[in-house]
Amino acid sequence: MEARKSDLYARDLREAHWIKSSKSTTGPYCVEVAELGDGAVAIRDSNNKDLPSLRFTAEEWAAFRDGVRNGEFG
């Protein structure tokens, strides 16, 4: 069952396992992703960890990922 958006934002992510993007090694922009289960993810700015993370359902994340792979944002 896919998590609802409100459920994702209700989760406490203080103990989440964050993975830094391999594309975030240089420059001022660094992105980290944490898996939330069932395909949902959270994304945060690793330079500003006190800012709120963005959270995406599995469906939203898949649509974004497919768009990147298809060159929709370039």
PDB file of N, CA and C in Angstrom:
ATOM      1  N   MET A   1       0.836  -1.174   0.000  1.00  0.00           N
ATOM      2  CA  MET A   1       0.000   0.000   0.000  1.00  0.00           C
ATOM      3  C   MET A   1       0.890   1.249   0.000  1.00  0.00           C
ATOM      4  N   GLU A   2       0.613   2.157  -0.909  1.00  0.00           N
ATOM      5  CA  GLU A   2       1.415   3.366  -1.018  1.00  0.00           C
ATOM      6  C   GLU A   2       1.085   4.337   0.113  1.00  0.00           C
ATOM      7  N   ALA A   3       2.138   4.926   0.657  1.00  0.00           N
ATOM      8  CA  ALA A   3       1.952   5.896   1.741  1.00  0.00           C
ATOM      9  C   ALA A   3       1.274   7.154   1.224  1.00  0.00           C
ATOM     10  N   ARG A   4       0.419   7.718   2.057  1.00  0.00           N
ATOM     11  CA  ARG A   4      -0.191   9.006   1.729  1.00  0.00           C
ATOM     12  C   ARG A   4       0.824  10.100   2.007  1.00  0.00           C
ATOM     13  N   LYS A   5       0.672  11.204   1.303  1.00  0.00           N
ATOM     14  CA  LYS A   5       1.587  12.328   1.458  1.00  0.00           C
ATOM     15  C   LYS A   5       1.640  12.800   2.911  1.00  0.00           C
ATOM     16  N   SER A   6       0.500  12.914   3.551  1.00  0.00           N
ATOM     17  CA  SER A   6       0.481  13.383   4.941  1.00  0.00           C
ATOM     18  C   SER A   6       1.228  12.409   5.863  1.00  0.00           C
ATOM     19  N   ASP A   7       1.154  11.111   5.564  1.00  0.00           N
ATOM     20  CA  ASP A   7       1.885  10.124   6.358  1.00  0.00           C
ATOM     21  C   ASP A   7       3.393  10.307   6.209  1.00  0.00           C
ATOM     22  N   LEU A   8       3.825  10.632   4.989  1.00  0.00           N
ATOM     23  CA  LEU A   8       5.254  10.827   4.758  1.00  0.00           C
ATOM     24  C   LEU A   8       5.778  12.020   5.552  1.00  0.00           C
ATOM     25  N   TYR A   9       5.004  13.096   5.581  1.00  0.00           N
ATOM     26  CA  TYR A   9       5.438  14.286   6.311  1.00  0.00           C
ATOM     27  C   TYR A   9       5.286  14.130   7.823  1.00  0.00           C
ATOM     28  N   ALA A  10       4.533  13.156   8.269  1.00  0.00           N
ATOM     29  CA  ALA A  10       4.385  12.906   9.705  1.00  0.00           C
ATOM     30  C   ALA A  10       5.560  12.097  10.261  1.00  0.00           C
ATOM     31  N   ARG A  11       6.333  11.494   9.402  1.00  0.00           N
ATOM     32  CA  ARG A  11       7.444  10.651   9.849  1.00  0.00           C
ATOM     33  C   ARG A  11       8.596  11.478  10.414  1.00  0.00           C
ATOM     34  N   ASP A  12       9.195  10.951  11.461  1.00  0.00           N
ATOM     35  CA  ASP A  12      10.383  11.531  12.070  1.00  0.00           C
ATOM     36  C   ASP A  12      11.597  10.982  11.330  1.00  0.00           C
ATOM     37  N   LEU A  13      12.388  11.858  10.726  1.00  0.00           N
ATOM     38  CA  LEU A  13      13.522  11.419   9.916  1.00  0.00           C
ATOM     39  C   LEU A  13      14.874  11.617  10.603  1.00  0.00           C
ATOM     40  N   ARG A  14      14.858  11.873  11.906  1.00  0.00           N
ATOM     41  CA  ARG A  14      16.129  12.095  12.606  1.00  0.00           C
ATOM     42  C   ARG A  14      17.059  10.896  12.531  1.00  0.00           C
ATOM     43  N   GLU A  15      16.507   9.706  12.407  1.00  0.00           N
ATOM     44  CA  GLU A  15      17.334   8.498  12.338  1.00  0.00           C
ATOM     45  C   GLU A  15      17.391   7.921  10.919  1.00  0.00           C
ATOM     46  N   ALA A  16      16.938   8.667   9.938  1.00  0.00           N
ATOM     47  CA  ALA A  16      16.941   8.188   8.547  1.00  0.00           C
ATOM     48  C   ALA A  16      18.373   8.024   8.049  1.00  0.00           C
ATOM     49  N   HIS A  17      18.550   7.078   7.142  1.00  0.00           N
ATOM     50  CA  HIS A  17      19.860   6.846   6.509  1.00  0.00           C
ATOM     51  C   HIS A  17      19.896   7.659   5.216  1.00  0.00           C
ATOM     52  N   TRP A  18      20.644   8.749   5.216  1.00  0.00           N
ATOM     53  CA  TRP A  18      20.722   9.651   4.081  1.00  0.00           C
ATOM     54  C   TRP A  18      21.909   9.272   3.206  1.00  0.00           C
ATOM     55  N   ILE A  19      21.689   9.271   1.897  1.00  0.00           N
ATOM     56  CA  ILE A  19      22.738   8.955   0.927  1.00  0.00           C
ATOM     57  C   ILE A  19      22.953  10.185   0.051  1.00  0.00           C
ATOM     58  N   LYS A  20      24.191  10.630  -0.017  1.00  0.00           N
ATOM     59  CA  LYS A  20      24.523  11.807  -0.816  1.00  0.00           C
ATOM     60  C   LYS A  20      24.640  11.418  -2.284  1.00  0.00           C
ATOM     61  N   SER A  21      24.093  12.241  -3.144  1.00  0.00           N
ATOM     62  CA  SER A  21      24.153  12.000  -4.579  1.00  0.00           C
ATOM     63  C   SER A  21      25.601  12.005  -5.056  1.00  0.00           C
ATOM     64  N   SER A  22      25.937  11.086  -5.940  1.00  0.00           N
ATOM     65  CA  SER A  22      27.290  11.054  -6.510  1.00  0.00           C
ATOM     66  C   SER A  22      27.547  12.275  -7.380  1.00  0.00           C
ATOM     67  N   LYS A  23      26.494  12.966  -7.787  1.00  0.00           N
ATOM     68  CA  LYS A  23      26.626  14.181  -8.596  1.00  0.00           C
ATOM     69  C   LYS A  23      26.789  15.422  -7.724  1.00  0.00           C
ATOM     70  N   SER A  24      26.783  15.256  -6.408  1.00  0.00           N
ATOM     71  CA  SER A  24      26.860  16.391  -5.484  1.00  0.00           C
ATOM     72  C   SER A  24      28.232  16.501  -4.831  1.00  0.00           C
ATOM     73  N   THR A  25      29.267  16.168  -5.567  1.00  0.00           N
ATOM     74  CA  THR A  25      30.605  16.176  -4.971  1.00  0.00           C
ATOM     75  C   THR A  25      31.286  17.529  -5.068  1.00  0.00           C
ATOM     76  N   THR A  26      30.851  18.378  -5.977  1.00  0.00           N
ATOM     77  CA  THR A  26      31.465  19.697  -6.120  1.00  0.00           C
ATOM     78  C   THR A  26      30.374  20.752  -6.199  1.00  0.00           C
ATOM     79  N   GLY A  27      30.750  21.966  -5.887  1.00  0.00           N
ATOM     80  CA  GLY A  27      29.800  23.057  -5.996  1.00  0.00           C
ATOM     81  C   GLY A  27      28.975  23.241  -4.741  1.00  0.00           C
ATOM     82  N   PRO A  28      28.143  24.272  -4.743  1.00  0.00           N
ATOM     83  CA  PRO A  28      27.387  24.611  -3.540  1.00  0.00           C
ATOM     84  C   PRO A  28      26.121  23.790  -3.340  1.00  0.00           C
ATOM     85  N   TYR A  29      25.726  23.007  -4.326  1.00  0.00           N
ATOM     86  CA  TYR A  29      24.458  22.291  -4.246  1.00  0.00           C
ATOM     87  C   TYR A  29      24.702  20.817  -3.953  1.00  0.00           C
ATOM     88  N   CYS A  30      24.236  20.357  -2.815  1.00  0.00           N
ATOM     89  CA  CYS A  30      24.416  18.966  -2.418  1.00  0.00           C
ATOM     90  C   CYS A  30      23.064  18.385  -2.026  1.00  0.00           C
ATOM     91  N   VAL A  31      22.750  17.251  -2.594  1.00  0.00           N
ATOM     92  CA  VAL A  31      21.454  16.616  -2.367  1.00  0.00           C
ATOM     93  C   VAL A  31      21.659  15.254  -1.728  1.00  0.00           C
ATOM     94  N   GLU A  32      20.815  14.944  -0.738  1.00  0.00           N
ATOM     95  CA  GLU A  32      20.808  13.634  -0.105  1.00  0.00           C
ATOM     96  C   GLU A  32      19.401  13.055  -0.186  1.00  0.00           C
ATOM     97  N   VAL A  33      19.339  11.726  -0.303  1.00  0.00           N
ATOM     98  CA  VAL A  33      18.062  11.021  -0.415  1.00  0.00           C
ATOM     99  C   VAL A  33      17.997   9.959   0.674  1.00  0.00           C
ATOM    100  N   ALA A  34      16.816   9.802   1.275  1.00  0.00           N
ATOM    101  CA  ALA A  34      16.575   8.727   2.239  1.00  0.00           C
ATOM    102  C   ALA A  34      15.366   7.929   1.774  1.00  0.00           C
ATOM    103  N   GLU A  35      15.504   6.613   1.767  1.00  0.00           N
ATOM    104  CA  GLU A  35      14.378   5.752   1.428  1.00  0.00           C
ATOM    105  C   GLU A  35      13.448   5.668   2.633  1.00  0.00           C
ATOM    106  N   LEU A  36      12.152   5.799   2.368  1.00  0.00           N
ATOM    107  CA  LEU A  36      11.162   5.778   3.448  1.00  0.00           C
ATOM    108  C   LEU A  36      10.325   4.504   3.453  1.00  0.00           C
ATOM    109  N   GLY A  37      10.623   3.596   2.554  1.00  0.00           N
ATOM    110  CA  GLY A  37       9.873   2.352   2.456  1.00  0.00           C
ATOM    111  C   GLY A  37       8.792   2.428   1.393  1.00  0.00           C
ATOM    112  N   ASP A  38       8.471   1.306   0.816  1.00  0.00           N
ATOM    113  CA  ASP A  38       7.434   1.203  -0.217  1.00  0.00           C
ATOM    114  C   ASP A  38       7.694   2.127  -1.404  1.00  0.00           C
ATOM    115  N   GLY A  39       8.965   2.450  -1.664  1.00  0.00           N
ATOM    116  CA  GLY A  39       9.320   3.280  -2.811  1.00  0.00           C
ATOM    117  C   GLY A  39       9.276   4.771  -2.557  1.00  0.00           C
ATOM    118  N   ALA A  40       8.815   5.192  -1.382  1.00  0.00           N
ATOM    119  CA  ALA A  40       8.768   6.616  -1.054  1.00  0.00           C
ATOM    120  C   ALA A  40      10.168   7.085  -0.659  1.00  0.00           C
ATOM    121  N   VAL A  41      10.452   8.366  -0.892  1.00  0.00           N
ATOM    122  CA  VAL A  41      11.754   8.925  -0.549  1.00  0.00           C
ATOM    123  C   VAL A  41      11.609  10.319   0.036  1.00  0.00           C
ATOM    124  N   ALA A  42      12.653  10.728   0.744  1.00  0.00           N
ATOM    125  CA  ALA A  42      12.786  12.111   1.208  1.00  0.00           C
ATOM    126  C   ALA A  42      14.075  12.653   0.609  1.00  0.00           C
ATOM    127  N   ILE A  43      14.076  13.942   0.300  1.00  0.00           N
ATOM    128  CA  ILE A  43      15.247  14.605  -0.269  1.00  0.00           C
ATOM    129  C   ILE A  43      15.535  15.832   0.583  1.00  0.00           C
ATOM    130  N   ARG A  44      16.827  16.081   0.824  1.00  0.00           N
ATOM    131  CA  ARG A  44      17.198  17.279   1.569  1.00  0.00           C
ATOM    132  C   ARG A  44      18.480  17.879   1.005  1.00  0.00           C
ATOM    133  N   ASP A  45      18.701  19.119   1.349  1.00  0.00           N
ATOM    134  CA  ASP A  45      19.921  19.838   1.010  1.00  0.00           C
ATOM    135  C   ASP A  45      20.938  19.506   2.091  1.00  0.00           C
ATOM    136  N   SER A  46      22.007  18.828   1.731  1.00  0.00           N
ATOM    137  CA  SER A  46      22.966  18.401   2.741  1.00  0.00           C
ATOM    138  C   SER A  46      23.769  19.563   3.317  1.00  0.00           C
ATOM    139  N   ASN A  47      23.740  20.714   2.663  1.00  0.00           N
ATOM    140  CA  ASN A  47      24.417  21.893   3.210  1.00  0.00           C
ATOM    141  C   ASN A  47      23.538  22.636   4.215  1.00  0.00           C
ATOM    142  N   ASN A  48      22.247  22.360   4.192  1.00  0.00           N
ATOM    143  CA  ASN A  48      21.287  23.024   5.079  1.00  0.00           C
ATOM    144  C   ASN A  48      20.349  21.983   5.686  1.00  0.00           C
ATOM    145  N   LYS A  49      20.895  21.109   6.491  1.00  0.00           N
ATOM    146  CA  LYS A  49      20.131  19.981   7.027  1.00  0.00           C
ATOM    147  C   LYS A  49      19.002  20.382   7.962  1.00  0.00           C
ATOM    148  N   ASP A  50      19.012  21.621   8.430  1.00  0.00           N
ATOM    149  CA  ASP A  50      17.928  22.081   9.297  1.00  0.00           C
ATOM    150  C   ASP A  50      16.690  22.488   8.507  1.00  0.00           C
ATOM    151  N   LEU A  51      16.834  22.660   7.197  1.00  0.00           N
ATOM    152  CA  LEU A  51      15.675  22.964   6.354  1.00  0.00           C
ATOM    153  C   LEU A  51      14.800  21.724   6.237  1.00  0.00           C
ATOM    154  N   PRO A  52      13.518  21.884   6.021  1.00  0.00           N
ATOM    155  CA  PRO A  52      12.643  20.711   5.861  1.00  0.00           C
ATOM    156  C   PRO A  52      13.008  19.911   4.612  1.00  0.00           C
ATOM    157  N   SER A  53      12.840  18.623   4.698  1.00  0.00           N
ATOM    158  CA  SER A  53      13.052  17.769   3.533  1.00  0.00           C
ATOM    159  C   SER A  53      11.792  17.769   2.676  1.00  0.00           C
ATOM    160  N   LEU A  54      11.972  17.428   1.417  1.00  0.00           N
ATOM    161  CA  LEU A  54      10.841  17.194   0.524  1.00  0.00           C
ATOM    162  C   LEU A  54      10.576  15.694   0.536  1.00  0.00           C
ATOM    163  N   ARG A  55       9.314  15.317   0.502  1.00  0.00           N
ATOM    164  CA  ARG A  55       8.975  13.886   0.577  1.00  0.00           C
ATOM    165  C   ARG A  55       8.057  13.518  -0.575  1.00  0.00           C
ATOM    166  N   PHE A  56       8.360  12.379  -1.183  1.00  0.00           N
ATOM    167  CA  PHE A  56       7.656  11.960  -2.381  1.00  0.00           C
ATOM    168  C   PHE A  56       7.144  10.535  -2.247  1.00  0.00           C
ATOM    169  N   THR A  57       5.920  10.317  -2.689  1.00  0.00           N
ATOM    170  CA  THR A  57       5.376   8.962  -2.736  1.00  0.00           C
ATOM    171  C   THR A  57       6.129   8.181  -3.811  1.00  0.00           C
ATOM    172  N   ALA A  58       5.954   6.883  -3.816  1.00  0.00           N
ATOM    173  CA  ALA A  58       6.605   6.046  -4.822  1.00  0.00           C
ATOM    174  C   ALA A  58       6.202   6.474  -6.230  1.00  0.00           C
ATOM    175  N   GLU A  59       4.938   6.795  -6.413  1.00  0.00           N
ATOM    176  CA  GLU A  59       4.458   7.209  -7.732  1.00  0.00           C
ATOM    177  C   GLU A  59       5.093   8.535  -8.166  1.00  0.00           C
ATOM    178  N   GLU A  60       5.162   9.487  -7.258  1.00  0.00           N
ATOM    179  CA  GLU A  60       5.774  10.781  -7.572  1.00  0.00           C
ATOM    180  C   GLU A  60       7.261  10.622  -7.894  1.00  0.00           C
ATOM    181  N   TRP A  61       7.952   9.823  -7.089  1.00  0.00           N
ATOM    182  CA  TRP A  61       9.385   9.616  -7.291  1.00  0.00           C
ATOM    183  C   TRP A  61       9.642   8.920  -8.622  1.00  0.00           C
ATOM    184  N   ALA A  62       8.838   7.930  -8.953  1.00  0.00           N
ATOM    185  CA  ALA A  62       9.010   7.222 -10.228  1.00  0.00           C
ATOM    186  C   ALA A  62       8.789   8.168 -11.409  1.00  0.00           C
ATOM    187  N   ALA A  63       7.795   9.041 -11.317  1.00  0.00           N
ATOM    188  CA  ALA A  63       7.531   9.994 -12.401  1.00  0.00           C
ATOM    189  C   ALA A  63       8.706  10.964 -12.559  1.00  0.00           C
ATOM    190  N   PHE A  64       9.257  11.447 -11.436  1.00  0.00           N
ATOM    191  CA  PHE A  64      10.411  12.337 -11.501  1.00  0.00           C
ATOM    192  C   PHE A  64      11.617  11.614 -12.089  1.00  0.00           C
ATOM    193  N   ARG A  65      11.910  10.428 -11.574  1.00  0.00           N
ATOM    194  CA  ARG A  65      13.054   9.641 -12.046  1.00  0.00           C
ATOM    195  C   ARG A  65      12.945   9.346 -13.536  1.00  0.00           C
ATOM    196  N   ASP A  66      11.760   8.964 -13.982  1.00  0.00           N
ATOM    197  CA  ASP A  66      11.567   8.682 -15.408  1.00  0.00           C
ATOM    198  C   ASP A  66      11.728   9.946 -16.240  1.00  0.00           C
ATOM    199  N   GLY A  67      11.260  11.079 -15.723  1.00  0.00           N
ATOM    200  CA  GLY A  67      11.432  12.336 -16.433  1.00  0.00           C
ATOM    201  C   GLY A  67      12.888  12.713 -16.598  1.00  0.00           C
ATOM    202  N   VAL A  68      13.681  12.498 -15.554  1.00  0.00           N
ATOM    203  CA  VAL A  68      15.129  12.771 -15.645  1.00  0.00           C
ATOM    204  C   VAL A  68      15.763  11.859 -16.687  1.00  0.00           C
ATOM    205  N   ARG A  69      15.439  10.598 -16.641  1.00  0.00           N
ATOM    206  CA  ARG A  69      16.011   9.644 -17.599  1.00  0.00           C
ATOM    207  C   ARG A  69      15.606   9.947 -19.036  1.00  0.00           C
ATOM    208  N   ASN A  70      14.439  10.523 -19.216  1.00  0.00           N
ATOM    209  CA  ASN A  70      13.944  10.842 -20.560  1.00  0.00           C
ATOM    210  C   ASN A  70      14.353  12.240 -21.017  1.00  0.00           C
ATOM    211  N   GLY A  71      15.137  12.937 -20.208  1.00  0.00           N
ATOM    212  CA  GLY A  71      15.636  14.258 -20.590  1.00  0.00           C
ATOM    213  C   GLY A  71      14.600  15.372 -20.534  1.00  0.00           C
ATOM    214  N   GLU A  72      13.557  15.214 -19.737  1.00  0.00           N
ATOM    215  CA  GLU A  72      12.496  16.208 -19.671  1.00  0.00           C
ATOM    216  C   GLU A  72      12.905  17.495 -18.957  1.00  0.00           C
ATOM    217  N   PHE A  73      13.997  17.482 -18.209  1.00  0.00           N
ATOM    218  CA  PHE A  73      14.374  18.645 -17.422  1.00  0.00           C
ATOM    219  C   PHE A  73      15.641  19.317 -17.925  1.00  0.00           C
ATOM    220  N   GLY A  74      16.136  18.901 -19.062  1.00  0.00           N
ATOM    221  CA  GLY A  74      17.396  19.437 -19.576  1.00  0.00           C
ATOM    222  C   GLY A  74      17.194  20.489 -20.524  1.00  0.00           C
TER     223      GLY A  74
END
